[in-house]
Amino acid sequence: YVADSNDCKDTGYIEVWANPYPVMSVDTIVEEKCEHKNGIITVSVSYAREPIRYTWTSNVSVAPMAIGLKTGSYNVKATDGNGCEVDTTVFVPSYPAVKITGETTPESCHRKDGTITTIVTSGAPHTLKYAWSGGITDTTNNLEDIPVGKYTLTATDSLCSAGLEFVVEHVDGPKADFDVVSYTVPTGSVFA
């Protein structure tokens, strides 16, 4: 209530509105694919007074969207025009790259018996497709009975691709070393 100098009293109501505290939402998370630093995070802020300033881990952005992200955790803080702050941490997952490892065995004695044995890993192994260079029509990840040469395996899954060159070398077979001795056979000798 309010009283004046004559002790007259009156009661009234004043309504005070408080701005609600800002709320941050994560709108988009796009995984990093094939180790290409192509992840994306998009956030939005509600109940905030403009202008809104965004601060991200490692200064990856100053906007509500951060692009070109590798797998990992990112913290984003938004500060509104009233100085109110809200933040969140977002994890960018990854879709693994295709990886190829392998070994060769050499061709021996020009028999076209060289081999290439590989291990291929991927985020979607059931979708892997293989192609070999040099006109080889084999669509598996291993080769057998091949001659000396360079061979490149390209492996592709539903999102990623990788290639690796292998060299099949040659191993010579055993070498014989003969000493020729000449001698004279007497006339009339019989050999049985």
N, C-alpha and C. Protein backbone atom coordinates (compact mmCIF):
# COMPACT_ATOMS: atom_id res chain seq x y z
N TYR A 1 0.83 -1.17 0.00
CA TYR A 1 0.00 0.00 0.00
C TYR A 1 0.88 1.23 0.00
N VAL A 2 0.25 2.38 -0.26
CA VAL A 2 0.95 3.66 -0.30
C VAL A 2 0.21 4.61 0.63
N ALA A 3 0.95 5.41 1.43
CA ALA A 3 0.33 6.39 2.34
C ALA A 3 0.91 7.76 2.03
N ASP A 4 0.05 8.79 2.09
CA ASP A 4 0.56 10.15 1.88
C ASP A 4 0.83 10.80 3.24
N SER A 5 1.12 12.12 3.23
CA SER A 5 1.45 12.80 4.47
C SER A 5 0.25 12.94 5.40
N ASN A 6 -0.96 12.81 4.91
CA ASN A 6 -2.17 12.85 5.72
C ASN A 6 -2.58 11.46 6.17
N ASP A 7 -1.75 10.54 5.98
CA ASP A 7 -1.98 9.13 6.33
C ASP A 7 -3.14 8.50 5.55
N CYS A 8 -3.34 9.04 4.34
CA CYS A 8 -4.32 8.40 3.45
C CYS A 8 -3.63 7.23 2.77
N LYS A 9 -4.29 6.12 2.76
CA LYS A 9 -3.68 4.89 2.24
C LYS A 9 -4.45 4.42 1.02
N ASP A 10 -3.70 3.81 0.14
CA ASP A 10 -4.31 3.21 -1.05
C ASP A 10 -3.48 1.99 -1.43
N THR A 11 -4.13 1.03 -2.00
CA THR A 11 -3.45 -0.20 -2.41
C THR A 11 -3.57 -0.32 -3.92
N GLY A 12 -2.51 -0.71 -4.54
CA GLY A 12 -2.50 -0.94 -5.98
C GLY A 12 -1.55 -2.08 -6.32
N TYR A 13 -1.63 -2.52 -7.50
CA TYR A 13 -0.77 -3.63 -7.93
C TYR A 13 0.03 -3.20 -9.15
N ILE A 14 1.27 -3.57 -9.14
CA ILE A 14 2.15 -3.34 -10.28
C ILE A 14 2.63 -4.71 -10.76
N GLU A 15 2.49 -4.91 -12.02
CA GLU A 15 2.92 -6.19 -12.59
C GLU A 15 4.32 -6.01 -13.16
N VAL A 16 5.26 -6.82 -12.74
CA VAL A 16 6.65 -6.77 -13.21
C VAL A 16 6.91 -8.02 -14.03
N TRP A 17 7.35 -7.80 -15.24
CA TRP A 17 7.66 -8.93 -16.14
C TRP A 17 9.16 -9.13 -16.15
N ALA A 18 9.58 -10.35 -15.98
CA ALA A 18 11.00 -10.69 -16.07
C ALA A 18 11.23 -11.45 -17.37
N ASN A 19 12.32 -11.12 -18.02
CA ASN A 19 12.65 -11.88 -19.23
C ASN A 19 13.01 -13.30 -18.82
N PRO A 20 12.46 -14.29 -19.51
CA PRO A 20 12.86 -15.66 -19.19
C PRO A 20 14.34 -15.87 -19.56
N TYR A 21 14.93 -16.80 -18.88
CA TYR A 21 16.33 -17.10 -19.13
C TYR A 21 16.46 -17.76 -20.51
N PRO A 22 17.52 -17.44 -21.30
CA PRO A 22 17.67 -18.05 -22.63
C PRO A 22 17.78 -19.58 -22.53
N VAL A 23 17.27 -20.23 -23.55
CA VAL A 23 17.32 -21.69 -23.64
C VAL A 23 17.97 -22.05 -24.98
N MET A 24 18.98 -22.93 -24.93
CA MET A 24 19.66 -23.35 -26.16
C MET A 24 19.19 -24.75 -26.55
N SER A 25 18.92 -24.90 -27.84
CA SER A 25 18.54 -26.21 -28.40
C SER A 25 19.55 -26.60 -29.46
N VAL A 26 19.85 -27.90 -29.54
CA VAL A 26 20.70 -28.42 -30.61
C VAL A 26 19.77 -28.87 -31.72
N ASP A 27 19.86 -28.20 -32.86
CA ASP A 27 18.95 -28.48 -33.97
C ASP A 27 19.50 -29.54 -34.92
N THR A 28 20.81 -29.52 -35.16
CA THR A 28 21.41 -30.43 -36.14
C THR A 28 22.76 -30.91 -35.67
N ILE A 29 23.00 -32.21 -35.82
CA ILE A 29 24.33 -32.79 -35.65
C ILE A 29 24.56 -33.67 -36.87
N VAL A 30 25.57 -33.34 -37.65
CA VAL A 30 25.93 -34.16 -38.81
C VAL A 30 27.30 -34.76 -38.52
N GLU A 31 27.38 -36.09 -38.62
CA GLU A 31 28.63 -36.78 -38.30
C GLU A 31 29.73 -36.45 -39.29
N GLU A 32 30.96 -36.56 -38.81
CA GLU A 32 32.12 -36.44 -39.69
C GLU A 32 32.19 -37.72 -40.52
N LYS A 33 32.37 -37.58 -41.81
CA LYS A 33 32.41 -38.75 -42.69
C LYS A 33 33.80 -38.90 -43.29
N CYS A 34 34.30 -40.12 -43.23
CA CYS A 34 35.53 -40.50 -43.94
C CYS A 34 36.76 -39.71 -43.51
N GLU A 35 36.78 -39.22 -42.28
CA GLU A 35 37.89 -38.42 -41.73
C GLU A 35 38.16 -37.17 -42.57
N HIS A 36 37.11 -36.54 -43.09
CA HIS A 36 37.26 -35.36 -43.95
C HIS A 36 36.93 -34.05 -43.26
N LYS A 37 36.79 -34.04 -41.94
CA LYS A 37 36.46 -32.82 -41.19
C LYS A 37 35.24 -32.13 -41.80
N ASN A 38 34.14 -32.88 -41.92
CA ASN A 38 32.93 -32.34 -42.54
C ASN A 38 31.70 -32.44 -41.64
N GLY A 39 31.94 -32.51 -40.33
CA GLY A 39 30.82 -32.53 -39.38
C GLY A 39 30.18 -31.16 -39.26
N ILE A 40 28.91 -31.14 -38.82
CA ILE A 40 28.17 -29.89 -38.68
C ILE A 40 27.35 -29.92 -37.39
N ILE A 41 27.31 -28.77 -36.70
CA ILE A 41 26.42 -28.58 -35.56
C ILE A 41 25.65 -27.28 -35.79
N THR A 42 24.35 -27.32 -35.55
CA THR A 42 23.52 -26.11 -35.60
C THR A 42 22.75 -26.03 -34.29
N VAL A 43 22.79 -24.83 -33.67
CA VAL A 43 22.03 -24.60 -32.43
C VAL A 43 21.10 -23.42 -32.63
N SER A 44 20.13 -23.31 -31.75
CA SER A 44 19.26 -22.13 -31.73
C SER A 44 19.03 -21.72 -30.28
N VAL A 45 18.73 -20.45 -30.08
CA VAL A 45 18.51 -19.92 -28.73
C VAL A 45 17.13 -19.26 -28.69
N SER A 46 16.33 -19.66 -27.70
CA SER A 46 15.00 -19.08 -27.49
C SER A 46 15.04 -18.18 -26.25
N TYR A 47 14.09 -17.27 -26.16
CA TYR A 47 13.95 -16.37 -25.00
C TYR A 47 15.20 -15.53 -24.78
N ALA A 48 15.81 -15.12 -25.86
CA ALA A 48 17.02 -14.31 -25.76
C ALA A 48 16.80 -12.97 -26.44
N ARG A 49 17.44 -11.95 -25.92
CA ARG A 49 17.35 -10.62 -26.52
C ARG A 49 18.48 -10.45 -27.51
N GLU A 50 18.13 -9.94 -28.68
CA GLU A 50 19.16 -9.68 -29.71
C GLU A 50 20.05 -8.53 -29.24
N PRO A 51 21.27 -8.44 -29.67
CA PRO A 51 21.98 -9.42 -30.49
C PRO A 51 22.49 -10.58 -29.65
N ILE A 52 22.62 -11.73 -30.30
CA ILE A 52 23.14 -12.92 -29.62
C ILE A 52 24.55 -13.17 -30.16
N ARG A 53 25.49 -13.34 -29.24
CA ARG A 53 26.89 -13.60 -29.60
C ARG A 53 27.21 -15.06 -29.27
N TYR A 54 27.80 -15.78 -30.24
CA TYR A 54 28.13 -17.20 -30.06
C TYR A 54 29.64 -17.36 -29.93
N THR A 55 30.04 -18.19 -28.99
CA THR A 55 31.45 -18.52 -28.78
C THR A 55 31.57 -20.04 -28.77
N TRP A 56 32.42 -20.57 -29.64
CA TRP A 56 32.59 -22.03 -29.78
C TRP A 56 33.98 -22.45 -29.32
N THR A 57 34.09 -23.72 -28.92
CA THR A 57 35.38 -24.33 -28.63
C THR A 57 36.32 -24.11 -29.82
N SER A 58 37.53 -23.75 -29.53
CA SER A 58 38.57 -23.58 -30.56
C SER A 58 38.19 -22.58 -31.64
N ASN A 59 37.26 -21.70 -31.34
CA ASN A 59 36.85 -20.66 -32.29
C ASN A 59 36.44 -21.22 -33.65
N VAL A 60 35.72 -22.33 -33.65
CA VAL A 60 35.31 -22.94 -34.92
C VAL A 60 34.21 -22.16 -35.61
N SER A 61 33.56 -21.25 -34.89
CA SER A 61 32.49 -20.44 -35.49
C SER A 61 32.15 -19.29 -34.56
N VAL A 62 31.46 -18.28 -35.11
CA VAL A 62 30.90 -17.20 -34.31
C VAL A 62 29.41 -17.07 -34.62
N ALA A 63 28.85 -18.09 -35.21
CA ALA A 63 27.45 -18.12 -35.62
C ALA A 63 26.76 -19.31 -34.96
N PRO A 64 25.45 -19.46 -35.14
CA PRO A 64 24.77 -20.61 -34.55
C PRO A 64 25.07 -21.93 -35.26
N MET A 65 25.82 -21.88 -36.35
CA MET A 65 26.20 -23.09 -37.07
C MET A 65 27.72 -23.18 -37.15
N ALA A 66 28.24 -24.37 -36.87
CA ALA A 66 29.68 -24.63 -37.03
C ALA A 66 29.82 -25.74 -38.06
N ILE A 67 30.68 -25.53 -39.05
CA ILE A 67 30.89 -26.52 -40.11
C ILE A 67 32.36 -26.90 -40.18
N GLY A 68 32.66 -27.96 -40.93
CA GLY A 68 34.05 -28.40 -41.08
C GLY A 68 34.62 -29.01 -39.82
N LEU A 69 33.77 -29.73 -39.08
CA LEU A 69 34.19 -30.26 -37.78
C LEU A 69 34.66 -31.70 -37.89
N LYS A 70 35.70 -32.02 -37.12
CA LYS A 70 36.12 -33.42 -36.99
C LYS A 70 35.42 -34.02 -35.77
N THR A 71 35.52 -35.31 -35.63
CA THR A 71 34.90 -36.01 -34.51
C THR A 71 35.40 -35.44 -33.19
N GLY A 72 34.49 -35.23 -32.25
CA GLY A 72 34.87 -34.73 -30.93
C GLY A 72 33.76 -33.94 -30.29
N SER A 73 34.06 -33.41 -29.10
CA SER A 73 33.11 -32.61 -28.34
C SER A 73 33.37 -31.13 -28.56
N TYR A 74 32.28 -30.37 -28.70
CA TYR A 74 32.36 -28.93 -28.92
C TYR A 74 31.43 -28.24 -27.94
N ASN A 75 31.93 -27.17 -27.31
CA ASN A 75 31.11 -26.39 -26.41
C ASN A 75 30.75 -25.10 -27.13
N VAL A 76 29.47 -24.71 -27.06
CA VAL A 76 29.03 -23.45 -27.63
C VAL A 76 28.32 -22.66 -26.54
N LYS A 77 28.68 -21.37 -26.45
CA LYS A 77 28.06 -20.48 -25.46
C LYS A 77 27.41 -19.34 -26.22
N ALA A 78 26.17 -19.02 -25.84
CA ALA A 78 25.46 -17.89 -26.42
C ALA A 78 25.26 -16.84 -25.34
N THR A 79 25.58 -15.58 -25.68
CA THR A 79 25.38 -14.46 -24.77
C THR A 79 24.42 -13.50 -25.45
N ASP A 80 23.28 -13.20 -24.78
CA ASP A 80 22.29 -12.33 -25.43
C ASP A 80 22.53 -10.87 -25.08
N GLY A 81 21.67 -10.01 -25.63
CA GLY A 81 21.81 -8.58 -25.44
C GLY A 81 21.67 -8.12 -24.00
N ASN A 82 21.09 -8.94 -23.13
CA ASN A 82 20.99 -8.61 -21.70
C ASN A 82 22.19 -9.12 -20.91
N GLY A 83 23.11 -9.80 -21.60
CA GLY A 83 24.27 -10.37 -20.91
C GLY A 83 24.00 -11.73 -20.32
N CYS A 84 22.82 -12.30 -20.58
CA CYS A 84 22.51 -13.64 -20.09
C CYS A 84 23.23 -14.66 -20.95
N GLU A 85 23.75 -15.71 -20.32
CA GLU A 85 24.51 -16.73 -21.03
C GLU A 85 23.87 -18.09 -20.87
N VAL A 86 24.01 -18.90 -21.92
CA VAL A 86 23.58 -20.29 -21.89
C VAL A 86 24.59 -21.06 -22.75
N ASP A 87 24.90 -22.28 -22.35
CA ASP A 87 25.84 -23.06 -23.15
C ASP A 87 25.46 -24.53 -23.12
N THR A 88 26.06 -25.25 -24.05
CA THR A 88 25.87 -26.70 -24.12
C THR A 88 27.10 -27.30 -24.80
N THR A 89 27.29 -28.59 -24.56
CA THR A 89 28.37 -29.33 -25.21
C THR A 89 27.75 -30.38 -26.11
N VAL A 90 28.26 -30.45 -27.33
CA VAL A 90 27.71 -31.35 -28.34
C VAL A 90 28.84 -32.24 -28.85
N PHE A 91 28.55 -33.53 -29.01
CA PHE A 91 29.53 -34.47 -29.55
C PHE A 91 29.23 -34.74 -31.02
N VAL A 92 30.24 -34.59 -31.88
CA VAL A 92 30.12 -34.93 -33.30
C VAL A 92 30.66 -36.35 -33.47
N PRO A 93 29.79 -37.30 -33.84
CA PRO A 93 30.26 -38.67 -34.05
C PRO A 93 30.96 -38.79 -35.41
N SER A 94 31.50 -39.96 -35.67
CA SER A 94 32.19 -40.14 -36.95
C SER A 94 31.67 -41.37 -37.68
N TYR A 95 31.75 -41.28 -38.98
CA TYR A 95 31.53 -42.43 -39.86
C TYR A 95 32.92 -42.79 -40.33
N PRO A 96 33.42 -43.97 -39.96
CA PRO A 96 34.83 -44.30 -40.23
C PRO A 96 35.18 -44.34 -41.71
N ALA A 97 36.41 -43.94 -41.98
CA ALA A 97 36.94 -44.01 -43.34
C ALA A 97 37.23 -45.46 -43.71
N VAL A 98 37.30 -45.71 -45.00
CA VAL A 98 37.73 -47.02 -45.49
C VAL A 98 39.24 -47.08 -45.31
N LYS A 99 39.72 -48.17 -44.73
CA LYS A 99 41.17 -48.35 -44.54
C LYS A 99 41.58 -49.70 -45.12
N ILE A 100 42.71 -49.69 -45.83
CA ILE A 100 43.24 -50.89 -46.46
C ILE A 100 44.64 -51.16 -45.93
N THR A 101 44.87 -52.39 -45.51
CA THR A 101 46.22 -52.84 -45.19
C THR A 101 46.41 -54.17 -45.91
N GLY A 102 47.65 -54.57 -46.09
CA GLY A 102 47.85 -55.85 -46.76
C GLY A 102 49.31 -56.18 -46.95
N GLU A 103 49.51 -57.34 -47.56
CA GLU A 103 50.87 -57.80 -47.83
C GLU A 103 50.88 -58.59 -49.13
N THR A 104 52.07 -58.72 -49.68
CA THR A 104 52.24 -59.46 -50.93
C THR A 104 53.19 -60.63 -50.72
N THR A 105 53.06 -61.63 -51.57
CA THR A 105 54.09 -62.66 -51.68
C THR A 105 54.59 -62.59 -53.11
N PRO A 106 55.90 -62.72 -53.31
CA PRO A 106 56.46 -62.53 -54.64
C PRO A 106 56.15 -63.70 -55.59
N GLU A 107 56.26 -63.39 -56.85
CA GLU A 107 56.18 -64.42 -57.88
C GLU A 107 57.54 -65.12 -57.91
N SER A 108 57.53 -66.44 -58.05
CA SER A 108 58.80 -67.16 -58.10
C SER A 108 58.94 -67.90 -59.42
N CYS A 109 60.12 -67.85 -59.96
CA CYS A 109 60.49 -68.60 -61.17
C CYS A 109 59.58 -68.31 -62.35
N HIS A 110 59.06 -67.11 -62.46
CA HIS A 110 58.20 -66.71 -63.58
C HIS A 110 56.96 -67.59 -63.70
N ARG A 111 56.43 -68.06 -62.57
CA ARG A 111 55.27 -68.95 -62.58
C ARG A 111 53.94 -68.23 -62.37
N LYS A 112 53.93 -66.92 -62.30
CA LYS A 112 52.71 -66.15 -62.06
C LYS A 112 51.98 -66.67 -60.81
N ASP A 113 52.73 -66.81 -59.72
CA ASP A 113 52.15 -67.32 -58.48
C ASP A 113 52.21 -66.31 -57.32
N GLY A 114 52.33 -65.03 -57.66
CA GLY A 114 52.33 -63.99 -56.63
C GLY A 114 50.93 -63.83 -56.04
N THR A 115 50.88 -63.26 -54.83
CA THR A 115 49.58 -63.03 -54.19
C THR A 115 49.56 -61.66 -53.51
N ILE A 116 48.34 -61.15 -53.34
CA ILE A 116 48.10 -59.95 -52.54
C ILE A 116 46.97 -60.30 -51.58
N THR A 117 47.24 -60.15 -50.28
CA THR A 117 46.23 -60.44 -49.26
C THR A 117 45.98 -59.14 -48.49
N THR A 118 44.72 -58.71 -48.41
CA THR A 118 44.41 -57.44 -47.77
C THR A 118 43.38 -57.60 -46.66
N ILE A 119 43.35 -56.59 -45.80
CA ILE A 119 42.29 -56.44 -44.80
C ILE A 119 41.70 -55.06 -45.03
N VAL A 120 40.39 -54.99 -45.22
CA VAL A 120 39.71 -53.72 -45.48
C VAL A 120 38.69 -53.50 -44.37
N THR A 121 38.76 -52.31 -43.73
CA THR A 121 37.79 -51.97 -42.70
C THR A 121 37.00 -50.75 -43.15
N SER A 122 35.77 -50.65 -42.64
CA SER A 122 34.88 -49.59 -43.10
C SER A 122 33.75 -49.41 -42.10
N GLY A 123 33.06 -48.28 -42.20
CA GLY A 123 31.89 -48.04 -41.38
C GLY A 123 30.69 -48.85 -41.81
N ALA A 124 30.72 -49.33 -43.03
CA ALA A 124 29.61 -50.15 -43.57
C ALA A 124 30.22 -51.30 -44.37
N PRO A 125 30.82 -52.28 -43.68
CA PRO A 125 31.53 -53.35 -44.40
C PRO A 125 30.64 -54.16 -45.33
N HIS A 126 29.35 -54.24 -45.04
CA HIS A 126 28.46 -55.02 -45.90
C HIS A 126 28.22 -54.34 -47.25
N THR A 127 28.63 -53.07 -47.39
CA THR A 127 28.44 -52.37 -48.66
C THR A 127 29.74 -52.25 -49.46
N LEU A 128 30.84 -52.83 -48.99
CA LEU A 128 32.13 -52.67 -49.66
C LEU A 128 32.13 -53.28 -51.06
N LYS A 129 32.73 -52.51 -51.98
CA LYS A 129 32.95 -52.98 -53.34
C LYS A 129 34.42 -52.78 -53.65
N TYR A 130 34.99 -53.70 -54.44
CA TYR A 130 36.42 -53.67 -54.71
C TYR A 130 36.67 -53.58 -56.22
N ALA A 131 37.74 -52.84 -56.57
CA ALA A 131 38.17 -52.75 -57.97
C ALA A 131 39.69 -52.73 -57.99
N TRP A 132 40.26 -53.48 -58.93
CA TRP A 132 41.71 -53.55 -59.10
C TRP A 132 42.12 -52.84 -60.38
N SER A 133 43.29 -52.25 -60.37
CA SER A 133 43.82 -51.58 -61.56
C SER A 133 44.35 -52.62 -62.55
N GLY A 134 44.69 -52.12 -63.72
CA GLY A 134 45.36 -52.98 -64.70
C GLY A 134 44.46 -53.95 -65.42
N GLY A 135 43.19 -53.70 -65.48
CA GLY A 135 42.29 -54.58 -66.22
C GLY A 135 41.93 -55.86 -65.50
N ILE A 136 42.27 -55.95 -64.24
CA ILE A 136 41.91 -57.15 -63.47
C ILE A 136 40.42 -57.09 -63.16
N THR A 137 39.71 -58.16 -63.48
CA THR A 137 38.25 -58.17 -63.29
C THR A 137 37.83 -58.78 -61.97
N ASP A 138 38.77 -59.25 -61.18
CA ASP A 138 38.43 -59.82 -59.86
C ASP A 138 37.81 -58.73 -58.99
N THR A 139 36.69 -59.02 -58.35
CA THR A 139 36.01 -58.02 -57.51
C THR A 139 36.12 -58.35 -56.02
N THR A 140 37.11 -59.16 -55.65
CA THR A 140 37.36 -59.45 -54.24
C THR A 140 38.52 -58.60 -53.76
N ASN A 141 38.82 -58.62 -52.48
CA ASN A 141 39.90 -57.80 -51.97
C ASN A 141 41.26 -58.51 -51.96
N ASN A 142 41.33 -59.75 -52.45
CA ASN A 142 42.60 -60.48 -52.50
C ASN A 142 42.83 -61.00 -53.92
N LEU A 143 44.12 -61.11 -54.29
CA LEU A 143 44.46 -61.66 -55.60
C LEU A 143 45.43 -62.82 -55.43
N GLU A 144 45.29 -63.83 -56.30
CA GLU A 144 46.18 -64.98 -56.31
C GLU A 144 46.64 -65.23 -57.74
N ASP A 145 47.75 -65.95 -57.85
CA ASP A 145 48.27 -66.37 -59.16
C ASP A 145 48.47 -65.19 -60.09
N ILE A 146 49.21 -64.19 -59.63
CA ILE A 146 49.46 -63.00 -60.43
C ILE A 146 50.96 -62.84 -60.69
N PRO A 147 51.31 -62.22 -61.83
CA PRO A 147 52.72 -62.00 -62.15
C PRO A 147 53.27 -60.76 -61.45
N VAL A 148 54.55 -60.53 -61.64
CA VAL A 148 55.23 -59.34 -61.14
C VAL A 148 54.48 -58.10 -61.64
N GLY A 149 54.38 -57.08 -60.78
CA GLY A 149 53.76 -55.83 -61.23
C GLY A 149 53.22 -55.00 -60.09
N LYS A 150 52.67 -53.83 -60.47
CA LYS A 150 52.02 -52.93 -59.52
C LYS A 150 50.52 -53.09 -59.67
N TYR A 151 49.84 -53.19 -58.53
CA TYR A 151 48.40 -53.38 -58.51
C TYR A 151 47.81 -52.41 -57.49
N THR A 152 46.76 -51.71 -57.86
CA THR A 152 46.09 -50.80 -56.93
C THR A 152 44.69 -51.32 -56.64
N LEU A 153 44.40 -51.47 -55.34
CA LEU A 153 43.07 -51.86 -54.90
C LEU A 153 42.32 -50.61 -54.48
N THR A 154 41.12 -50.42 -55.00
CA THR A 154 40.23 -49.35 -54.56
C THR A 154 39.04 -50.01 -53.88
N ALA A 155 38.79 -49.60 -52.64
CA ALA A 155 37.66 -50.13 -51.87
C ALA A 155 36.71 -48.98 -51.58
N THR A 156 35.40 -49.22 -51.83
CA THR A 156 34.39 -48.18 -51.66
C THR A 156 33.21 -48.74 -50.88
N ASP A 157 32.79 -47.99 -49.83
CA ASP A 157 31.55 -48.37 -49.14
C ASP A 157 30.48 -47.36 -49.51
N SER A 158 29.40 -47.30 -48.76
CA SER A 158 28.29 -46.43 -49.13
C SER A 158 28.63 -44.94 -49.06
N LEU A 159 29.71 -44.55 -48.36
CA LEU A 159 30.07 -43.13 -48.26
C LEU A 159 31.53 -42.81 -48.57
N CYS A 160 32.43 -43.75 -48.32
CA CYS A 160 33.86 -43.46 -48.39
C CYS A 160 34.56 -44.36 -49.40
N SER A 161 35.77 -43.93 -49.77
CA SER A 161 36.58 -44.70 -50.71
C SER A 161 38.04 -44.55 -50.33
N ALA A 162 38.84 -45.59 -50.61
CA ALA A 162 40.28 -45.53 -50.37
C ALA A 162 40.98 -46.41 -51.38
N GLY A 163 42.23 -46.12 -51.64
CA GLY A 163 43.02 -46.92 -52.56
C GLY A 163 44.40 -47.16 -51.99
N LEU A 164 44.99 -48.29 -52.35
CA LEU A 164 46.35 -48.61 -51.90
C LEU A 164 47.05 -49.41 -52.98
N GLU A 165 48.31 -49.01 -53.27
CA GLU A 165 49.10 -49.71 -54.29
C GLU A 165 49.95 -50.79 -53.66
N PHE A 166 50.01 -51.93 -54.34
CA PHE A 166 50.84 -53.06 -53.91
C PHE A 166 51.81 -53.39 -55.04
N VAL A 167 53.01 -53.83 -54.67
CA VAL A 167 54.00 -54.23 -55.66
C VAL A 167 54.33 -55.70 -55.44
N VAL A 168 54.08 -56.52 -56.46
CA VAL A 168 54.45 -57.94 -56.42
C VAL A 168 55.79 -58.04 -57.11
N GLU A 169 56.77 -58.52 -56.37
CA GLU A 169 58.12 -58.62 -56.91
C GLU A 169 58.41 -60.04 -57.38
N HIS A 170 59.60 -60.21 -57.96
CA HIS A 170 60.00 -61.50 -58.51
C HIS A 170 61.15 -62.07 -57.70
N VAL A 171 61.07 -63.37 -57.45
CA VAL A 171 62.17 -64.07 -56.80
C VAL A 171 62.66 -65.11 -57.80
N ASP A 172 63.97 -65.04 -58.11
CA ASP A 172 64.54 -66.03 -59.03
C ASP A 172 64.58 -67.39 -58.36
N GLY A 173 64.46 -68.42 -59.17
CA GLY A 173 64.56 -69.79 -58.67
C GLY A 173 66.02 -70.14 -58.41
N PRO A 174 66.24 -71.38 -58.03
CA PRO A 174 67.61 -71.79 -57.76
C PRO A 174 68.44 -71.77 -59.05
N LYS A 175 69.73 -71.54 -58.90
CA LYS A 175 70.64 -71.52 -60.04
C LYS A 175 71.60 -72.68 -59.90
N ALA A 176 71.80 -73.34 -61.00
CA ALA A 176 72.75 -74.46 -61.01
C ALA A 176 74.08 -73.95 -61.55
N ASP A 177 75.15 -74.44 -60.96
CA ASP A 177 76.48 -74.06 -61.41
C ASP A 177 77.23 -75.35 -61.72
N PHE A 178 77.59 -75.49 -62.97
CA PHE A 178 78.25 -76.73 -63.40
C PHE A 178 79.69 -76.46 -63.77
N ASP A 179 80.56 -77.42 -63.41
CA ASP A 179 81.93 -77.42 -63.89
C ASP A 179 82.01 -78.51 -64.96
N VAL A 180 82.39 -78.13 -66.14
CA VAL A 180 82.49 -79.10 -67.23
C VAL A 180 83.91 -79.64 -67.25
N VAL A 181 83.98 -80.95 -67.13
CA VAL A 181 85.27 -81.62 -67.18
C VAL A 181 85.28 -82.47 -68.45
N SER A 182 86.29 -82.31 -69.21
CA SER A 182 86.33 -83.12 -70.42
C SER A 182 87.39 -84.21 -70.24
N TYR A 183 87.07 -85.28 -70.82
CA TYR A 183 88.04 -86.38 -70.78
C TYR A 183 87.88 -87.20 -72.06
N THR A 184 88.86 -87.98 -72.34
CA THR A 184 88.87 -88.78 -73.57
C THR A 184 88.53 -90.22 -73.23
N VAL A 185 87.61 -90.73 -74.02
CA VAL A 185 87.20 -92.13 -73.82
C VAL A 185 88.04 -92.97 -74.78
N PRO A 186 88.70 -93.99 -74.25
CA PRO A 186 89.51 -94.83 -75.14
C PRO A 186 88.63 -95.54 -76.17
N THR A 187 89.21 -95.76 -77.32
CA THR A 187 88.52 -96.43 -78.41
C THR A 187 88.25 -97.86 -78.02
N GLY A 188 87.03 -98.27 -78.38
CA GLY A 188 86.63 -99.64 -78.10
C GLY A 188 86.06 -99.85 -76.72
N SER A 189 85.88 -98.80 -75.94
CA SER A 189 85.32 -98.95 -74.60
C SER A 189 83.83 -99.15 -74.70
N VAL A 190 83.32 -99.96 -73.83
CA VAL A 190 81.89 -100.25 -73.81
C VAL A 190 81.33 -99.75 -72.48
N PHE A 191 80.19 -99.06 -72.60
CA PHE A 191 79.52 -98.57 -71.40
C PHE A 191 78.23 -99.34 -71.22
N ALA A 192 77.98 -99.75 -70.06
CA ALA A 192 76.76 -100.48 -69.82
C ALA A 192 75.77 -99.63 -69.10
